[in-house]
């Protein structure tokens, strides 16, 4: 084989190889185009399906939300009725508790008044006996003082007569009796004044004791009333329930707060837990 033939053969092979590559490239291009078009269609279909699924899911979510809203709206009257019934029950219980507390306080106050009246009657019944005892005691004191005064005057007169040499003058019984009566009257006046002063002091002490008892009773009333309202109670509510002046209630409540028996948060007085 000559070089010319070899060259022709190589040229033909190169030409055939070129045509073959061109054919293959065209086929690859066609396949690639078809594959891209398939990808585009699939993507479009997937996008459409996804949009449809999302739309359906959104519609389902909206439907469920609307259904839940309708259910909650349907439950509102029932809840309102339950809350209203609960509040009404609280109001009744509070009114019953307040009435019971008032009744208990009134009963305790009536019992205290009864005991005070009974003690007053007992003390009044003892007054005549005490007066008789005091009168008898004062009469004894007067007699002793009169006798002592007469003996003292006799002793002084005797000593004066011995020092001066002047005979001792015998005092007539009338003068002695008169002096004894005057001395007894003076002593009686002093003792009556002292007795009146002691009675006044006893009455003042009794009044102070009664005021202290009333103050202590009001403290216990406020303490019990506050503890019966764990949610807190205002001073104006205590005034209506306990029927006591607001200023006095405020003073006693402040004392209880300072003692740590109750607390105060804003306008409310709250039990200590």
Protein backbone atom coordinates (compact mmCIF):
# COMPACT_ATOMS: atom_id res chain seq x y z
CA UNK A 1 0.00 0.00 0.00
CA UNK A 2 1.34 3.39 -1.02
CA UNK A 3 1.45 6.50 1.05
CA UNK A 4 -1.23 8.11 -1.10
CA UNK A 5 -3.67 5.32 -0.34
CA UNK A 6 -2.84 5.48 3.31
CA UNK A 7 -3.45 9.20 3.30
CA UNK A 8 -6.82 8.78 1.52
CA UNK A 9 -7.82 6.05 3.95
CA UNK A 10 -6.90 8.22 6.92
CA UNK A 11 -8.77 11.15 5.40
CA UNK A 12 -11.88 9.02 4.89
CA UNK A 13 -11.61 7.61 8.39
CA UNK A 14 -11.23 11.13 9.81
CA UNK A 15 -14.22 12.31 7.77
CA UNK A 16 -16.26 9.30 8.85
CA UNK A 17 -15.19 9.85 12.48
CA UNK A 18 -16.21 13.53 12.27
CA UNK A 19 -19.59 12.66 10.82
CA UNK A 20 -20.02 10.02 13.48
CA UNK A 21 -19.17 12.55 16.24
CA UNK A 22 -21.54 15.10 14.69
CA UNK A 23 -24.28 12.45 14.61
CA UNK A 24 -23.58 11.45 18.19
CA UNK A 25 -23.49 15.10 19.36
CA UNK A 26 -26.82 15.72 17.65
CA UNK A 27 -28.25 12.64 19.37
CA UNK A 28 -26.86 13.79 22.71
CA UNK A 29 -28.27 17.26 22.15
CA UNK A 30 -31.64 15.79 21.26
CA UNK A 31 -31.60 13.54 24.33
CA UNK A 32 -30.49 16.44 26.54
CA UNK A 33 -33.24 18.67 25.16
CA UNK A 34 -35.83 15.96 25.68
CA UNK A 35 -34.54 15.31 29.19
CA UNK A 36 -34.63 19.05 30.06
CA UNK A 37 -38.11 19.30 28.64
CA UNK A 38 -39.08 16.29 30.80
CA UNK A 39 -37.52 17.93 33.83
CA UNK A 40 -39.45 21.12 33.06
CA UNK A 41 -42.71 19.25 32.70
CA UNK A 42 -42.10 17.28 35.86
CA UNK A 43 -41.18 20.48 37.71
CA UNK A 44 -44.30 22.20 36.41
CA UNK A 45 -46.42 19.20 37.39
CA UNK A 46 -44.72 19.01 40.81
CA UNK A 47 -45.21 22.75 41.31
CA UNK A 48 -48.85 22.51 40.33
CA UNK A 49 -49.33 19.48 42.62
CA UNK A 50 -47.54 21.27 45.46
CA UNK A 51 -49.69 24.37 44.97
CA UNK A 52 -52.79 22.19 44.91
CA UNK A 53 -51.68 20.37 48.08
CA UNK A 54 -50.84 23.66 49.81
CA UNK A 55 -54.17 25.16 48.77
CA UNK A 56 -55.98 22.07 50.04
CA UNK A 57 -54.01 22.13 53.31
CA UNK A 58 -54.71 25.85 53.74
CA UNK A 59 -58.39 25.27 53.05
CA UNK A 60 -58.40 22.41 55.58
CA UNK A 61 -56.60 24.59 58.14
CA UNK A 62 -59.06 27.43 57.57
CA UNK A 63 -61.96 24.98 57.87
CA UNK A 64 -60.62 23.54 61.10
CA UNK A 65 -59.92 27.03 62.49
CA UNK A 66 -63.45 28.14 61.61
CA UNK A 67 -64.88 24.98 63.15
CA UNK A 68 -62.87 25.52 66.34
CA UNK A 69 -63.95 29.17 66.41
CA UNK A 70 -67.60 28.10 66.04
CA UNK A 71 -67.14 25.54 68.84
CA UNK A 72 -65.55 28.14 71.12
CA UNK A 73 -68.28 30.62 70.25
CA UNK A 74 -70.86 27.97 71.06
CA UNK A 75 -69.14 27.35 74.43
CA UNK A 76 -69.10 31.05 75.40
CA UNK A 77 -72.70 31.16 76.74
CA UNK A 78 -72.08 27.98 78.71
CA UNK A 79 -68.85 29.39 80.15
CA UNK A 80 -70.59 32.68 80.96
CA UNK A 81 -73.38 30.79 82.69
CA UNK A 82 -70.84 28.76 84.69
CA UNK A 83 -68.86 31.87 85.68
CA UNK A 84 -72.07 33.73 86.57
CA UNK A 85 -73.26 30.78 88.65
CA UNK A 86 -69.86 30.56 90.36
CA UNK A 87 -69.83 34.29 91.14
CA UNK A 88 -73.39 34.07 92.42
CA UNK A 89 -72.34 31.16 94.64
CA UNK A 90 -69.40 33.17 95.93
CA UNK A 91 -71.74 36.08 96.64
CA UNK A 92 -74.18 33.86 98.53
CA UNK A 93 -71.41 32.23 100.54
CA UNK A 94 -69.95 35.62 101.35
CA UNK A 95 -73.36 36.95 102.40
CA UNK A 96 -74.00 33.85 104.53
CA UNK A 97 -70.54 34.12 106.09
CA UNK A 98 -71.08 37.82 106.79
CA UNK A 99 -74.50 37.13 108.31
CA UNK A 100 -73.09 34.30 110.43
CA UNK A 101 -70.20 36.50 111.55
CA UNK A 102 -72.61 39.29 112.46
CA UNK A 103 -74.77 36.83 114.38
CA UNK A 104 -71.75 35.42 116.21
CA UNK A 105 -70.46 38.89 117.01
CA UNK A 106 -73.91 40.00 118.16
CA UNK A 107 -74.22 36.90 120.34
CA UNK A 108 -70.76 37.46 121.79
CA UNK A 109 -71.56 41.14 122.41
CA UNK A 110 -74.88 40.21 124.05
CA UNK A 111 -73.09 37.67 126.24
CA UNK A 112 -70.46 40.26 127.17
CA UNK A 113 -73.16 42.82 128.02
CA UNK A 114 -75.04 40.21 130.06
CA UNK A 115 -71.91 39.30 131.99
CA UNK A 116 -71.09 42.98 132.54
CA UNK A 117 -74.63 43.65 133.78
CA UNK A 118 -74.50 40.61 136.04
CA UNK A 119 -71.16 41.74 137.47
CA UNK A 120 -72.58 45.25 137.93
CA UNK A 121 -75.60 43.82 139.78
CA UNK A 122 -73.31 41.73 141.97
CA UNK A 123 -71.17 44.77 142.77
CA UNK A 124 -74.31 46.84 143.42
CA UNK A 125 -75.62 44.12 145.75
CA UNK A 126 -72.32 44.21 147.63
CA UNK A 127 -72.40 48.01 148.08
CA UNK A 128 -74.71 48.10 151.16
CA UNK A 129 -72.68 45.41 152.88
CA UNK A 130 -69.43 47.24 152.05
CA UNK A 131 -70.94 50.53 153.25
CA UNK A 132 -72.00 48.93 156.51
CA UNK A 133 -68.55 47.44 157.00
CA UNK A 134 -66.88 50.77 156.18
CA UNK A 135 -69.25 52.67 158.46
CA UNK A 136 -68.60 50.25 161.31
CA UNK A 137 -64.88 50.50 160.70
CA UNK A 138 -65.01 54.30 160.58
CA UNK A 139 -67.06 54.40 163.77
CA UNK A 140 -64.43 52.30 165.51
CA UNK A 141 -61.69 54.55 164.16
CA UNK A 142 -63.55 57.64 165.37
CA UNK A 143 -63.96 56.24 168.85
CA UNK A 144 -60.32 55.21 169.06
CA UNK A 145 -59.15 58.57 167.73
CA UNK A 146 -61.44 60.44 170.16
CA UNK A 147 -60.19 58.41 173.11
CA UNK A 148 -56.59 58.86 171.96
CA UNK A 149 -57.09 62.63 171.55
CA UNK A 150 -58.63 62.91 175.04
CA UNK A 151 -55.82 60.93 176.61
CA UNK A 152 -53.25 63.02 174.75
CA UNK A 153 -54.82 66.29 175.95
CA UNK A 154 -54.89 64.98 179.52
CA UNK A 155 -51.22 64.01 179.26
CA UNK A 156 -50.26 67.43 177.83
CA UNK A 157 -52.21 69.24 180.54
CA UNK A 158 -50.58 67.12 183.28
CA UNK A 159 -47.08 67.80 181.91
CA UNK A 160 -47.80 71.54 181.66
CA UNK A 161 -49.08 71.62 185.27
CA UNK A 162 -45.96 69.89 186.52
CA UNK A 163 -43.63 72.27 184.66
CA UNK A 164 -45.45 75.48 185.62
CA UNK A 165 -46.66 74.44 189.08
CA UNK A 166 -50.18 75.46 188.12
CA UNK A 167 -52.73 72.98 189.45
CA UNK A 168 -54.19 70.75 186.81
CA UNK A 169 -57.63 71.94 185.76
CA UNK A 170 -60.15 69.20 185.58
CA UNK A 171 -61.87 69.42 182.26
CA UNK A 172 -65.61 69.13 182.55
CA UNK A 173 -67.17 66.07 180.94
CA UNK A 174 -69.22 68.33 178.65
CA UNK A 175 -66.07 69.90 177.18
CA UNK A 176 -64.46 66.51 176.76
CA UNK A 177 -67.58 65.20 175.05
CA UNK A 178 -67.74 68.25 172.80
CA UNK A 179 -64.05 67.95 171.90
CA UNK A 180 -64.50 64.26 171.19
CA UNK A 181 -67.52 65.01 168.97
CA UNK A 182 -65.65 67.72 167.07
CA UNK A 183 -62.64 65.48 166.58
CA UNK A 184 -64.88 62.61 165.48
CA UNK A 185 -66.69 64.86 162.99
CA UNK A 186 -63.39 66.07 161.55
CA UNK A 187 -62.13 62.51 161.25
CA UNK A 188 -65.42 61.43 159.68
CA UNK A 189 -65.21 64.24 157.10
CA UNK A 190 -61.64 63.26 156.20
CA UNK A 191 -62.53 59.59 155.94
CA UNK A 192 -65.63 60.32 153.84
CA UNK A 193 -63.52 62.42 151.46
CA UNK A 194 -60.99 59.60 151.23
CA UNK A 195 -63.77 57.04 150.64
CA UNK A 196 -65.31 59.19 147.88
CA UNK A 197 -61.89 59.56 146.26
CA UNK A 198 -61.35 55.79 146.38
CA UNK A 199 -64.79 55.14 144.86
CA UNK A 200 -64.08 57.61 142.05
CA UNK A 201 -60.72 55.96 141.40
CA UNK A 202 -62.37 52.52 141.32
CA UNK A 203 -65.05 53.75 138.88
CA UNK A 204 -62.39 55.31 136.63
CA UNK A 205 -60.38 52.07 136.69
CA UNK A 206 -63.52 50.08 135.86
CA UNK A 207 -64.35 52.38 132.93
CA UNK A 208 -60.76 52.09 131.64
CA UNK A 209 -60.99 48.30 131.98
CA UNK A 210 -64.28 48.25 130.02
CA UNK A 211 -62.78 50.45 127.27
CA UNK A 212 -59.73 48.18 127.10
CA UNK A 213 -62.02 45.14 126.88
CA UNK A 214 -64.05 46.75 124.08
CA UNK A 215 -60.84 47.60 122.21
CA UNK A 216 -59.58 44.03 122.63
CA UNK A 217 -62.96 42.67 121.46
CA UNK A 218 -62.81 44.90 118.34
CA UNK A 219 -59.30 43.62 117.59
CA UNK A 220 -60.54 40.02 117.70
CA UNK A 221 -63.55 40.92 115.53
CA UNK A 222 -61.37 42.54 112.87
CA UNK A 223 -58.84 39.67 113.03
CA UNK A 224 -61.61 37.05 112.58
CA UNK A 225 -63.30 39.06 109.81
CA UNK A 226 -60.07 39.49 107.82
CA UNK A 227 -59.21 35.79 108.20
CA UNK A 228 -62.66 34.89 106.86
CA UNK A 229 -61.82 36.75 103.61
CA UNK A 230 -58.60 35.26 102.17
CA UNK A 231 -59.06 37.31 99.01
CA UNK A 232 -58.73 40.50 101.07
CA UNK A 233 -61.23 42.97 102.52
CA UNK A 234 -61.50 46.75 102.46
CA UNK A 235 -62.05 49.01 105.45
CA UNK A 236 -65.42 50.14 104.09
CA UNK A 237 -66.61 46.50 104.01
CA UNK A 238 -65.49 46.05 107.62
CA UNK A 239 -67.39 49.21 108.53
CA UNK A 240 -70.62 47.82 107.05
CA UNK A 241 -70.17 44.35 108.57
CA UNK A 242 -68.92 45.27 112.05
CA UNK A 243 -70.98 48.49 112.35
CA UNK A 244 -68.11 50.43 113.92
CA UNK A 245 -66.64 53.86 113.02
CA UNK A 246 -64.18 53.66 110.13
CA UNK A 247 -61.55 55.76 111.93
CA UNK A 248 -61.56 53.41 114.92
CA UNK A 249 -61.46 50.37 112.64
CA UNK A 250 -58.48 51.88 110.80
CA UNK A 251 -56.58 52.49 114.04
CA UNK A 252 -57.17 48.94 115.30
CA UNK A 253 -56.40 47.39 111.88
CA UNK A 254 -53.14 49.37 111.70
CA UNK A 255 -52.21 48.00 115.14
CA UNK A 256 -52.87 44.44 113.93
CA UNK A 257 -50.71 45.07 110.84
CA UNK A 258 -47.88 46.42 113.00
CA UNK A 259 -48.15 43.34 115.24
CA UNK A 260 -47.88 41.10 112.15
CA UNK A 261 -51.27 39.42 112.70
CA UNK A 262 -52.62 40.62 109.32
CA UNK A 263 -51.14 42.21 106.16
CA UNK A 264 -52.14 45.21 104.08
CA UNK A 265 -51.69 45.34 100.30
CA UNK A 266 -53.02 48.56 98.85
CA UNK A 267 -56.55 49.11 100.21
CA UNK A 268 -56.97 45.42 101.11
CA UNK A 269 -56.36 43.79 104.48
CA UNK A 270 -55.23 40.16 103.96
CA UNK A 271 -54.75 37.26 106.40
CA UNK A 272 -51.21 36.16 107.21
CA UNK A 273 -50.57 32.63 105.91
